[in-house]
Amino acid sequence: MEKVHEPEWFIKARNVIYYILSVIEVILAFRLIFKLLGANPRNGFVSFLYTLTSVFVAPFNGIFAPFVTEGAATAFVVEPSTIIAMIVYAILARGIISLIKLNLSGKENKGEQH
């Protein structure tokens, strides 16, 4: 099967989408780890991270209840909404790239070059 030449704009767009996805995934991973390990939410960095990531997790809150285990000094939280958000954003990024690629291959099959 012949490899379709990908235009430079597509490669750049794909790289930007994956970069944005990577940033979102990393901050959500930090949120997940901090919640799991019972990080102090009054710490400046932890508070900032929770505030920043709450925007990305909000659409998925309430799907499943978080699991909370009370420790001697901290609460350990398994937050399914964060895990779901990470999965959905990865699928969404991949879907956007596939949609652009599908549109690109359709144009090349018609002989259009942009």
N, C-alpha and C. Protein backbone atom coordinates (compact mmCIF):
# COMPACT_ATOMS: atom_id res chain seq x y z
N MET A 1 0.85 -1.18 0.00
CA MET A 1 0.00 0.00 0.00
C MET A 1 0.89 1.24 0.00
N GLU A 2 0.57 2.18 -0.83
CA GLU A 2 1.36 3.39 -0.98
C GLU A 2 1.08 4.34 0.19
N LYS A 3 2.15 4.86 0.77
CA LYS A 3 2.01 5.81 1.87
C LYS A 3 1.61 7.15 1.30
N VAL A 4 0.56 7.71 1.88
CA VAL A 4 0.07 9.01 1.45
C VAL A 4 0.98 10.09 2.03
N HIS A 5 1.42 10.99 1.18
CA HIS A 5 2.26 12.10 1.64
C HIS A 5 1.40 13.03 2.50
N GLU A 6 1.86 13.28 3.69
CA GLU A 6 1.14 14.18 4.59
C GLU A 6 1.70 15.58 4.45
N PRO A 7 0.84 16.54 4.15
CA PRO A 7 1.32 17.92 4.01
C PRO A 7 1.87 18.45 5.34
N GLU A 8 2.72 19.45 5.23
CA GLU A 8 3.36 20.01 6.41
C GLU A 8 2.34 20.58 7.40
N TRP A 9 1.26 21.20 6.88
CA TRP A 9 0.25 21.78 7.78
C TRP A 9 -0.42 20.69 8.61
N PHE A 10 -0.62 19.51 8.00
CA PHE A 10 -1.25 18.41 8.73
C PHE A 10 -0.32 17.91 9.84
N ILE A 11 0.96 17.77 9.52
CA ILE A 11 1.94 17.31 10.51
C ILE A 11 2.00 18.30 11.67
N LYS A 12 2.01 19.59 11.36
CA LYS A 12 2.04 20.61 12.41
C LYS A 12 0.77 20.57 13.25
N ALA A 13 -0.38 20.45 12.59
CA ALA A 13 -1.65 20.39 13.32
C ALA A 13 -1.70 19.17 14.22
N ARG A 14 -1.25 18.03 13.70
CA ARG A 14 -1.23 16.80 14.50
C ARG A 14 -0.31 16.97 15.71
N ASN A 15 0.85 17.56 15.50
CA ASN A 15 1.79 17.77 16.60
C ASN A 15 1.22 18.72 17.65
N VAL A 16 0.52 19.75 17.23
CA VAL A 16 -0.10 20.69 18.17
C VAL A 16 -1.18 19.98 18.98
N ILE A 17 -2.00 19.21 18.31
CA ILE A 17 -3.07 18.48 19.01
C ILE A 17 -2.47 17.51 20.03
N TYR A 18 -1.45 16.76 19.64
CA TYR A 18 -0.82 15.83 20.57
C TYR A 18 -0.10 16.56 21.70
N TYR A 19 0.45 17.72 21.43
CA TYR A 19 1.11 18.49 22.48
C TYR A 19 0.07 18.95 23.53
N ILE A 20 -1.04 19.50 23.04
CA ILE A 20 -2.11 19.93 23.95
C ILE A 20 -2.63 18.74 24.75
N LEU A 21 -2.84 17.61 24.08
CA LEU A 21 -3.29 16.41 24.77
C LEU A 21 -2.29 16.00 25.84
N SER A 22 -1.01 16.04 25.52
CA SER A 22 0.03 15.65 26.48
C SER A 22 0.02 16.54 27.71
N VAL A 23 -0.14 17.84 27.52
CA VAL A 23 -0.19 18.75 28.66
C VAL A 23 -1.40 18.43 29.54
N ILE A 24 -2.55 18.24 28.92
CA ILE A 24 -3.76 17.91 29.68
C ILE A 24 -3.59 16.59 30.41
N GLU A 25 -3.06 15.59 29.74
CA GLU A 25 -2.87 14.28 30.36
C GLU A 25 -1.90 14.35 31.54
N VAL A 26 -0.83 15.13 31.40
CA VAL A 26 0.15 15.23 32.49
C VAL A 26 -0.45 15.90 33.71
N ILE A 27 -1.16 17.01 33.52
CA ILE A 27 -1.74 17.67 34.69
C ILE A 27 -2.84 16.83 35.32
N LEU A 28 -3.59 16.10 34.50
CA LEU A 28 -4.60 15.19 35.06
C LEU A 28 -3.94 14.02 35.80
N ALA A 29 -2.81 13.56 35.29
CA ALA A 29 -2.08 12.48 35.98
C ALA A 29 -1.58 12.96 37.34
N PHE A 30 -1.08 14.20 37.39
CA PHE A 30 -0.66 14.76 38.67
C PHE A 30 -1.84 14.83 39.64
N ARG A 31 -2.99 15.27 39.13
CA ARG A 31 -4.19 15.34 39.97
C ARG A 31 -4.52 13.96 40.52
N LEU A 32 -4.52 12.97 39.64
CA LEU A 32 -4.84 11.60 40.04
C LEU A 32 -3.87 11.11 41.12
N ILE A 33 -2.59 11.31 40.90
CA ILE A 33 -1.58 10.85 41.86
C ILE A 33 -1.70 11.60 43.18
N PHE A 34 -1.88 12.93 43.12
CA PHE A 34 -2.01 13.70 44.35
C PHE A 34 -3.24 13.26 45.15
N LYS A 35 -4.35 13.01 44.47
CA LYS A 35 -5.55 12.54 45.17
C LYS A 35 -5.32 11.17 45.77
N LEU A 36 -4.69 10.27 44.99
CA LEU A 36 -4.42 8.92 45.48
C LEU A 36 -3.51 8.91 46.72
N LEU A 37 -2.54 9.81 46.71
CA LEU A 37 -1.59 9.84 47.81
C LEU A 37 -2.01 10.75 48.96
N GLY A 38 -3.17 11.39 48.81
CA GLY A 38 -3.68 12.23 49.88
C GLY A 38 -2.92 13.53 50.06
N ALA A 39 -2.53 14.16 48.97
CA ALA A 39 -1.80 15.43 49.04
C ALA A 39 -2.63 16.49 49.76
N ASN A 40 -1.95 17.36 50.47
CA ASN A 40 -2.60 18.42 51.23
C ASN A 40 -3.22 19.44 50.27
N PRO A 41 -4.55 19.54 50.22
CA PRO A 41 -5.19 20.48 49.28
C PRO A 41 -4.97 21.94 49.65
N ARG A 42 -4.45 22.22 50.84
CA ARG A 42 -4.16 23.60 51.25
C ARG A 42 -2.77 24.05 50.78
N ASN A 43 -1.97 23.11 50.28
CA ASN A 43 -0.68 23.46 49.70
C ASN A 43 -0.92 24.29 48.44
N GLY A 44 -0.13 25.33 48.23
CA GLY A 44 -0.33 26.24 47.10
C GLY A 44 -0.31 25.55 45.75
N PHE A 45 0.70 24.70 45.53
CA PHE A 45 0.81 24.03 44.24
C PHE A 45 -0.34 23.05 44.03
N VAL A 46 -0.65 22.28 45.05
CA VAL A 46 -1.74 21.30 44.95
C VAL A 46 -3.07 22.00 44.71
N SER A 47 -3.30 23.09 45.44
CA SER A 47 -4.53 23.86 45.26
C SER A 47 -4.62 24.42 43.84
N PHE A 48 -3.51 24.97 43.34
CA PHE A 48 -3.48 25.48 41.97
C PHE A 48 -3.78 24.37 40.96
N LEU A 49 -3.16 23.22 41.15
CA LEU A 49 -3.36 22.10 40.24
C LEU A 49 -4.81 21.63 40.25
N TYR A 50 -5.40 21.51 41.43
CA TYR A 50 -6.80 21.09 41.53
C TYR A 50 -7.73 22.10 40.85
N THR A 51 -7.44 23.39 41.03
CA THR A 51 -8.26 24.42 40.40
C THR A 51 -8.12 24.37 38.88
N LEU A 52 -6.89 24.25 38.40
CA LEU A 52 -6.63 24.18 36.97
C LEU A 52 -7.30 22.97 36.32
N THR A 53 -7.19 21.83 36.95
CA THR A 53 -7.72 20.60 36.35
C THR A 53 -9.22 20.43 36.56
N SER A 54 -9.80 21.19 37.48
CA SER A 54 -11.24 21.04 37.73
C SER A 54 -12.05 21.34 36.47
N VAL A 55 -11.54 22.22 35.61
CA VAL A 55 -12.22 22.54 34.34
C VAL A 55 -12.30 21.31 33.45
N PHE A 56 -11.23 20.52 33.42
CA PHE A 56 -11.17 19.34 32.55
C PHE A 56 -11.94 18.15 33.12
N VAL A 57 -12.06 18.11 34.44
CA VAL A 57 -12.72 16.98 35.10
C VAL A 57 -14.22 17.23 35.28
N ALA A 58 -14.63 18.49 35.33
CA ALA A 58 -16.02 18.86 35.63
C ALA A 58 -17.07 18.13 34.79
N PRO A 59 -16.89 17.97 33.47
CA PRO A 59 -17.94 17.29 32.70
C PRO A 59 -18.16 15.83 33.11
N PHE A 60 -17.20 15.26 33.81
CA PHE A 60 -17.27 13.84 34.14
C PHE A 60 -17.57 13.59 35.63
N ASN A 61 -17.69 14.68 36.40
CA ASN A 61 -18.03 14.53 37.82
C ASN A 61 -19.43 13.94 37.96
N GLY A 62 -19.58 13.05 38.88
CA GLY A 62 -20.89 12.47 39.16
C GLY A 62 -21.20 11.21 38.38
N ILE A 63 -20.37 10.84 37.43
CA ILE A 63 -20.62 9.58 36.72
C ILE A 63 -20.45 8.42 37.70
N PHE A 64 -19.35 8.45 38.43
CA PHE A 64 -19.10 7.48 39.50
C PHE A 64 -18.71 8.26 40.75
N ALA A 65 -19.06 7.75 41.89
CA ALA A 65 -18.67 8.38 43.14
C ALA A 65 -17.19 8.11 43.41
N PRO A 66 -16.49 9.11 43.95
CA PRO A 66 -15.09 8.86 44.31
C PRO A 66 -15.00 7.89 45.49
N PHE A 67 -13.91 7.14 45.54
CA PHE A 67 -13.68 6.23 46.66
C PHE A 67 -12.74 6.94 47.62
N VAL A 68 -13.16 7.08 48.87
CA VAL A 68 -12.36 7.79 49.85
C VAL A 68 -12.00 6.85 50.98
N THR A 69 -10.71 6.80 51.31
CA THR A 69 -10.22 6.02 52.43
C THR A 69 -9.55 6.98 53.39
N GLU A 70 -10.07 7.05 54.60
CA GLU A 70 -9.51 7.94 55.60
C GLU A 70 -8.28 7.30 56.23
N GLY A 71 -7.17 8.01 56.16
CA GLY A 71 -5.94 7.58 56.81
C GLY A 71 -5.79 8.30 58.14
N ALA A 72 -4.69 8.08 58.80
CA ALA A 72 -4.44 8.73 60.09
C ALA A 72 -4.34 10.25 59.93
N ALA A 73 -3.68 10.70 58.87
CA ALA A 73 -3.48 12.14 58.69
C ALA A 73 -4.15 12.68 57.43
N THR A 74 -4.36 11.85 56.42
CA THR A 74 -4.89 12.34 55.16
C THR A 74 -5.95 11.38 54.62
N ALA A 75 -6.69 11.87 53.65
CA ALA A 75 -7.68 11.04 52.97
C ALA A 75 -7.11 10.64 51.61
N PHE A 76 -7.23 9.38 51.27
CA PHE A 76 -6.79 8.87 49.97
C PHE A 76 -8.02 8.77 49.09
N VAL A 77 -7.97 9.38 47.93
CA VAL A 77 -9.15 9.46 47.07
C VAL A 77 -8.84 8.85 45.70
N VAL A 78 -9.70 7.94 45.28
CA VAL A 78 -9.67 7.45 43.90
C VAL A 78 -10.80 8.17 43.19
N GLU A 79 -10.43 8.99 42.22
CA GLU A 79 -11.40 9.84 41.54
C GLU A 79 -11.64 9.33 40.12
N PRO A 80 -12.69 8.54 39.92
CA PRO A 80 -12.94 7.99 38.58
C PRO A 80 -13.14 9.06 37.51
N SER A 81 -13.64 10.23 37.90
CA SER A 81 -13.87 11.27 36.90
C SER A 81 -12.56 11.71 36.24
N THR A 82 -11.47 11.69 36.98
CA THR A 82 -10.17 12.05 36.40
C THR A 82 -9.72 10.99 35.40
N ILE A 83 -9.90 9.74 35.75
CA ILE A 83 -9.51 8.64 34.85
C ILE A 83 -10.36 8.69 33.57
N ILE A 84 -11.65 8.91 33.73
CA ILE A 84 -12.54 8.99 32.57
C ILE A 84 -12.15 10.18 31.70
N ALA A 85 -11.85 11.32 32.32
CA ALA A 85 -11.43 12.51 31.56
C ALA A 85 -10.19 12.21 30.73
N MET A 86 -9.22 11.54 31.33
CA MET A 86 -7.98 11.22 30.61
C MET A 86 -8.27 10.35 29.39
N ILE A 87 -9.14 9.38 29.55
CA ILE A 87 -9.49 8.48 28.45
C ILE A 87 -10.25 9.23 27.36
N VAL A 88 -11.24 10.02 27.76
CA VAL A 88 -12.07 10.74 26.79
C VAL A 88 -11.24 11.75 25.99
N TYR A 89 -10.35 12.48 26.66
CA TYR A 89 -9.54 13.47 25.94
C TYR A 89 -8.57 12.79 24.97
N ALA A 90 -8.05 11.64 25.33
CA ALA A 90 -7.17 10.91 24.42
C ALA A 90 -7.94 10.43 23.19
N ILE A 91 -9.13 9.91 23.41
CA ILE A 91 -9.98 9.46 22.29
C ILE A 91 -10.38 10.66 21.43
N LEU A 92 -10.73 11.77 22.06
CA LEU A 92 -11.13 12.96 21.33
C LEU A 92 -9.99 13.49 20.45
N ALA A 93 -8.79 13.56 20.99
CA ALA A 93 -7.64 14.03 20.21
C ALA A 93 -7.39 13.11 19.02
N ARG A 94 -7.41 11.82 19.27
CA ARG A 94 -7.19 10.85 18.19
C ARG A 94 -8.30 10.96 17.13
N GLY A 95 -9.52 11.19 17.58
CA GLY A 95 -10.65 11.34 16.65
C GLY A 95 -10.51 12.58 15.79
N ILE A 96 -10.07 13.68 16.37
CA ILE A 96 -9.88 14.92 15.60
C ILE A 96 -8.81 14.71 14.54
N ILE A 97 -7.71 14.08 14.93
CA ILE A 97 -6.64 13.82 13.97
C ILE A 97 -7.11 12.90 12.85
N SER A 98 -7.86 11.86 13.21
CA SER A 98 -8.39 10.94 12.20
C SER A 98 -9.36 11.64 11.26
N LEU A 99 -10.17 12.54 11.79
CA LEU A 99 -11.12 13.28 10.97
C LEU A 99 -10.39 14.19 9.98
N ILE A 100 -9.35 14.86 10.45
CA ILE A 100 -8.56 15.71 9.55
C ILE A 100 -7.89 14.86 8.48
N LYS A 101 -7.35 13.72 8.90
CA LYS A 101 -6.66 12.84 7.95
C LYS A 101 -7.65 12.27 6.92
N LEU A 102 -8.85 11.94 7.36
CA LEU A 102 -9.89 11.44 6.45
C LEU A 102 -10.24 12.50 5.42
N ASN A 103 -10.39 13.72 5.87
CA ASN A 103 -10.70 14.83 4.97
C ASN A 103 -9.54 15.05 4.00
N LEU A 104 -8.32 14.93 4.51
CA LEU A 104 -7.13 15.10 3.68
C LEU A 104 -7.06 14.02 2.60
N SER A 105 -7.29 12.77 2.97
CA SER A 105 -7.21 11.69 1.98
C SER A 105 -8.34 11.81 0.95
N GLY A 106 -9.48 12.32 1.38
CA GLY A 106 -10.58 12.52 0.44
C GLY A 106 -10.25 13.57 -0.61
N LYS A 107 -9.55 14.61 -0.19
CA LYS A 107 -9.15 15.68 -1.13
C LYS A 107 -8.08 15.16 -2.09
N GLU A 108 -7.16 14.33 -1.58
CA GLU A 108 -6.09 13.81 -2.45
C GLU A 108 -6.66 12.83 -3.48
N ASN A 109 -7.68 12.08 -3.08
CA ASN A 109 -8.30 11.14 -4.02
C ASN A 109 -9.03 11.88 -5.14
N LYS A 110 -9.50 13.09 -4.85
CA LYS A 110 -10.19 13.88 -5.87
C LYS A 110 -9.20 14.67 -6.72
N GLY A 111 -7.93 14.62 -6.35
CA GLY A 111 -6.91 15.33 -7.12
C GLY A 111 -6.68 16.74 -6.67
N GLU A 112 -7.33 17.14 -5.57
CA GLU A 112 -7.14 18.50 -5.06
C GLU A 112 -5.86 18.56 -4.25
N GLN A 113 -5.10 19.57 -4.44
CA GLN A 113 -3.88 19.80 -3.66
C GLN A 113 -3.97 21.18 -3.02
N HIS A 114 -3.75 21.22 -1.69
CA HIS A 114 -3.76 22.51 -0.97
C HIS A 114 -2.46 22.68 -0.26
